[in-house]
Amino acid sequence: MPTDRPGVIGWLYLAWATIAIGLSLWIAGLTTESITRLLVLGFLLLQLVARRHLAAAFPALAPRTRFIVLGTLLAAVVEGFHMISTPVLPQLAVHAGTAPVEALRRYAIDLALTVPAYLVIFGVIWWFVARFHYARWTYIILFGAAQALGDGGINFFAAAPGMIAFLPYPMTNYHAVNIIPFLATRDGLPAGRRNDGARWLALPAVMVTYFVCGAMIKVVAGWVGL
């Protein structure tokens, strides 16, 4: 990840993630969901290899705008990977027989619905990042979990609590959209950020933001007849 080596928390999380991802892929086999996850993992690894270049993108933008723009652009790419498995609406799924033009049309509809939500979500994440101090691995784990749980994960794990052991598997989806924005802007964060317990409110706040944005997407989709 960043240039310095992970500490104990980082190594423990990496070990947990490796086991959870490996077991998940082995148990599920080569499904469309597994292919999506492999594409996301490949995209994440590519980002980490090129992190210095990616973190230097859009230098003229203010830190807040830069954080939101980078996160939303990366999320738009990840949305593309999900078109074959879990797009924002089931009817937008792209299959082997879907014509390229139709696939692009469905992807464009997906982005029209999700990009505004990501702008809001990354705005909320920035609000916390700009006010509270998060060590590198605290940020990675906390906001990865918040996004994974907020984006439907809480319902899944509530129905099958034992599956929480595999939480890093869906979290990688959000590492692929929120690590680079943090690396790109952490040196420009305001001084004097707080380091108290209120910083953990980011977890429920991001989850609630996902719930609200998800509800709005459904309302908008209904308005336009989707």
Protein backbone atom coordinates (compact mmCIF):
# COMPACT_ATOMS: atom_id res chain seq x y z
CA MET A 1 0.00 0.00 0.00
CA PRO A 2 1.69 3.27 0.97
CA THR A 3 5.47 3.29 0.95
CA ASP A 4 5.99 2.42 4.63
CA ARG A 5 5.41 -1.11 5.83
CA PRO A 6 2.16 -2.08 7.59
CA GLY A 7 2.21 -2.21 11.37
CA VAL A 8 0.73 -5.01 13.45
CA ILE A 9 -2.85 -3.97 12.66
CA GLY A 10 -2.06 -3.76 8.96
CA TRP A 11 -0.45 -7.21 8.84
CA LEU A 12 -3.28 -8.77 10.83
CA TYR A 13 -5.86 -7.26 8.50
CA LEU A 14 -3.94 -8.36 5.41
CA ALA A 15 -3.76 -11.93 6.80
CA TRP A 16 -7.49 -11.90 7.59
CA ALA A 17 -8.31 -10.49 4.14
CA THR A 18 -6.13 -13.05 2.35
CA ILE A 19 -7.81 -15.96 4.14
CA ALA A 20 -11.33 -14.55 3.73
CA ILE A 21 -10.88 -13.79 0.03
CA GLY A 22 -9.19 -17.10 -0.73
CA LEU A 23 -11.87 -19.16 1.03
CA SER A 24 -14.69 -17.13 -0.52
CA LEU A 25 -13.41 -17.63 -4.05
CA TRP A 26 -12.67 -21.32 -3.43
CA ILE A 27 -16.15 -22.00 -2.02
CA ALA A 28 -18.06 -19.96 -4.61
CA GLY A 29 -16.15 -21.10 -7.68
CA LEU A 30 -16.00 -19.08 -10.89
CA THR A 31 -19.37 -17.31 -10.75
CA THR A 32 -20.09 -13.89 -12.22
CA GLU A 33 -19.79 -12.49 -8.69
CA SER A 34 -16.36 -14.12 -8.32
CA ILE A 35 -15.26 -12.73 -11.67
CA THR A 36 -16.40 -9.27 -10.56
CA ARG A 37 -14.40 -9.58 -7.33
CA LEU A 38 -11.32 -10.74 -9.20
CA LEU A 39 -11.60 -7.75 -11.54
CA VAL A 40 -11.93 -5.43 -8.55
CA LEU A 41 -8.93 -7.04 -6.83
CA GLY A 42 -6.89 -6.67 -10.00
CA PHE A 43 -7.93 -3.03 -10.25
CA LEU A 44 -6.97 -2.47 -6.60
CA LEU A 45 -3.56 -4.08 -7.07
CA LEU A 46 -2.98 -1.96 -10.18
CA GLN A 47 -3.79 1.16 -8.18
CA LEU A 48 -1.38 0.21 -5.42
CA VAL A 49 1.42 -0.38 -7.93
CA ALA A 50 0.75 3.01 -9.55
CA ARG A 51 -0.24 4.78 -6.32
CA ARG A 52 2.35 7.57 -6.60
CA HIS A 53 1.10 8.56 -10.05
CA LEU A 54 -2.58 8.21 -9.18
CA ALA A 55 -2.19 10.10 -5.91
CA ALA A 56 -0.68 12.98 -7.87
CA ALA A 57 -3.71 13.30 -10.16
CA PHE A 58 -5.65 16.59 -10.38
CA PRO A 59 -3.11 18.63 -8.36
CA ALA A 60 -4.86 21.92 -9.17
CA LEU A 61 -8.03 20.90 -7.35
CA ALA A 62 -8.68 21.78 -3.72
CA PRO A 63 -8.21 18.77 -1.41
CA ARG A 64 -11.95 18.28 -0.78
CA THR A 65 -12.82 18.43 -4.48
CA ARG A 66 -9.86 16.22 -5.34
CA PHE A 67 -10.89 13.60 -2.79
CA ILE A 68 -14.48 13.48 -4.04
CA VAL A 69 -13.55 13.49 -7.73
CA LEU A 70 -10.95 10.72 -7.39
CA GLY A 71 -13.29 8.57 -5.29
CA THR A 72 -16.20 9.02 -7.68
CA LEU A 73 -14.11 8.26 -10.77
CA LEU A 74 -12.73 5.08 -9.22
CA ALA A 75 -16.23 4.09 -8.10
CA ALA A 76 -17.47 4.55 -11.67
CA VAL A 77 -14.86 2.05 -12.88
CA VAL A 78 -15.80 -0.44 -10.18
CA GLU A 79 -19.47 -0.02 -11.14
CA GLY A 80 -18.48 -1.23 -14.60
CA PHE A 81 -17.10 -4.47 -13.15
CA HIS A 82 -20.39 -5.04 -11.33
CA MET A 83 -22.47 -4.78 -14.49
CA ILE A 84 -22.05 -8.55 -15.05
CA SER A 85 -23.15 -9.49 -11.53
CA THR A 86 -24.81 -6.85 -9.34
CA PRO A 87 -25.53 -3.54 -11.10
CA VAL A 88 -27.54 -0.93 -9.24
CA LEU A 89 -30.75 -2.42 -10.69
CA PRO A 90 -31.07 -6.12 -11.63
CA GLN A 91 -32.57 -5.32 -15.03
CA LEU A 92 -29.37 -3.48 -16.02
CA ALA A 93 -27.21 -6.61 -15.76
CA VAL A 94 -24.99 -7.29 -18.76
CA HIS A 95 -24.85 -10.91 -19.98
CA ALA A 96 -22.82 -12.76 -22.56
CA GLY A 97 -25.49 -12.16 -25.20
CA THR A 98 -25.92 -8.44 -24.51
CA ALA A 99 -24.99 -6.33 -27.53
CA PRO A 100 -22.10 -3.88 -26.89
CA VAL A 101 -24.27 -0.82 -27.57
CA GLU A 102 -26.92 -2.09 -25.17
CA ALA A 103 -24.26 -2.88 -22.57
CA LEU A 104 -22.95 0.69 -22.79
CA ARG A 105 -26.50 2.05 -22.51
CA ARG A 106 -27.10 0.04 -19.34
CA TYR A 107 -23.78 1.13 -17.90
CA ALA A 108 -24.63 4.77 -18.63
CA ILE A 109 -27.97 4.38 -16.82
CA ASP A 110 -26.19 2.75 -13.88
CA LEU A 111 -23.75 5.65 -13.67
CA ALA A 112 -26.53 8.23 -13.97
CA LEU A 113 -28.11 6.68 -10.87
CA THR A 114 -24.97 5.96 -8.84
CA VAL A 115 -22.57 8.84 -9.53
CA PRO A 116 -24.72 11.41 -7.65
CA ALA A 117 -24.83 8.99 -4.71
CA TYR A 118 -21.05 8.59 -4.74
CA LEU A 119 -20.59 12.36 -4.77
CA VAL A 120 -22.65 12.52 -1.57
CA ILE A 121 -20.95 9.48 0.01
CA PHE A 122 -17.43 10.78 -0.59
CA GLY A 123 -18.54 14.19 0.64
CA VAL A 124 -19.58 12.59 3.93
CA ILE A 125 -16.33 10.62 4.18
CA TRP A 126 -14.36 13.81 3.55
CA TRP A 127 -16.28 15.59 6.31
CA PHE A 128 -14.91 13.08 8.80
CA VAL A 129 -11.42 12.86 7.29
CA ALA A 130 -11.05 16.65 7.39
CA ARG A 131 -12.09 16.89 11.05
CA PHE A 132 -10.66 13.77 12.68
CA HIS A 133 -7.27 12.13 12.58
CA TYR A 134 -7.23 8.64 11.07
CA ALA A 135 -4.05 6.63 10.89
CA ARG A 136 -3.54 4.95 7.53
CA TRP A 137 -4.80 1.49 8.50
CA THR A 138 -7.56 2.87 10.70
CA TYR A 139 -8.88 4.73 7.68
CA ILE A 140 -8.55 1.71 5.38
CA ILE A 141 -10.36 -0.67 7.73
CA LEU A 142 -12.95 1.73 9.18
CA PHE A 143 -14.17 3.24 5.93
CA GLY A 144 -13.90 -0.03 4.03
CA ALA A 145 -16.17 -1.63 6.63
CA ALA A 146 -18.52 1.36 6.72
CA GLN A 147 -19.03 1.28 2.96
CA ALA A 148 -19.33 -2.50 2.78
CA LEU A 149 -21.91 -2.62 5.59
CA GLY A 150 -23.79 0.42 4.33
CA ASP A 151 -24.04 -0.88 0.77
CA GLY A 152 -26.30 -3.79 1.72
CA GLY A 153 -23.76 -5.74 3.75
CA ILE A 154 -25.50 -5.14 7.09
CA ASN A 155 -28.60 -6.99 5.89
CA PHE A 156 -26.55 -9.94 4.67
CA PHE A 157 -24.54 -10.26 7.87
CA ALA A 158 -27.64 -9.78 10.05
CA ALA A 159 -29.19 -12.80 8.32
CA ALA A 160 -25.97 -14.84 8.58
CA PRO A 161 -23.86 -13.48 11.48
CA GLY A 162 -21.17 -16.12 11.07
CA MET A 163 -20.34 -14.73 7.65
CA ILE A 164 -18.83 -11.64 9.33
CA ALA A 165 -15.60 -13.65 9.26
CA PHE A 166 -15.56 -12.96 5.50
CA LEU A 167 -16.10 -9.20 5.83
CA PRO A 168 -12.78 -8.28 4.14
CA TYR A 169 -14.04 -9.95 0.95
CA PRO A 170 -16.64 -7.24 0.19
CA MET A 171 -14.46 -4.56 1.81
CA THR A 172 -11.94 -4.87 -1.03
CA ASN A 173 -14.61 -3.42 -3.30
CA TYR A 174 -14.38 -0.16 -1.34
CA HIS A 175 -10.63 -0.23 -0.83
CA ALA A 176 -10.54 0.05 -4.63
CA VAL A 177 -12.38 3.38 -4.47
CA ASN A 178 -11.28 5.05 -1.22
CA ILE A 179 -7.56 4.37 -0.65
CA ILE A 180 -6.17 6.49 -3.50
CA PRO A 181 -8.28 9.57 -2.59
CA PHE A 182 -6.91 9.36 0.97
CA LEU A 183 -3.31 9.03 -0.22
CA ALA A 184 -3.82 11.93 -2.61
CA THR A 185 -5.07 14.35 0.03
CA ARG A 186 -3.77 13.27 3.45
CA ASP A 187 -0.77 15.64 3.31
CA GLY A 188 -3.12 18.55 2.69
CA LEU A 189 -5.54 17.81 5.52
CA PRO A 190 -6.13 20.58 8.06
CA ALA A 191 -3.86 20.70 11.09
CA GLY A 192 -5.33 20.14 14.52
CA ARG A 193 -7.77 17.42 13.55
CA ARG A 194 -9.38 15.75 16.54
CA ASN A 195 -8.37 12.29 17.74
CA ASP A 196 -11.25 11.54 20.11
CA GLY A 197 -13.95 8.90 20.15
CA ALA A 198 -16.26 10.94 17.93
CA ARG A 199 -14.21 9.86 14.92
CA TRP A 200 -15.83 6.41 15.14
CA LEU A 201 -19.19 8.00 14.32
CA ALA A 202 -17.99 7.75 10.73
CA LEU A 203 -19.12 4.11 10.72
CA PRO A 204 -22.85 4.72 11.33
CA ALA A 205 -22.79 8.01 9.41
CA VAL A 206 -21.49 6.41 6.21
CA MET A 207 -23.88 3.48 6.62
CA VAL A 208 -26.87 5.82 7.00
CA THR A 209 -25.70 7.79 3.96
CA TYR A 210 -25.74 4.59 1.91
CA PHE A 211 -29.25 3.74 3.14
CA VAL A 212 -30.56 7.20 2.22
CA CYS A 213 -28.82 7.24 -1.17
CA GLY A 214 -30.06 3.72 -1.92
CA ALA A 215 -33.64 4.77 -1.13
CA MET A 216 -33.32 7.84 -3.35
CA ILE A 217 -31.97 5.74 -6.21
CA LYS A 218 -35.03 3.50 -5.99
CA VAL A 219 -37.33 6.52 -5.97
CA VAL A 220 -35.60 8.10 -8.99
CA ALA A 221 -35.57 4.78 -10.84
CA GLY A 222 -39.31 4.49 -10.26
CA TRP A 223 -39.89 8.03 -11.51
CA VAL A 224 -38.15 7.28 -14.82
CA GLY A 225 -39.84 3.91 -15.22
CA LEU A 226 -36.93 1.58 -14.47
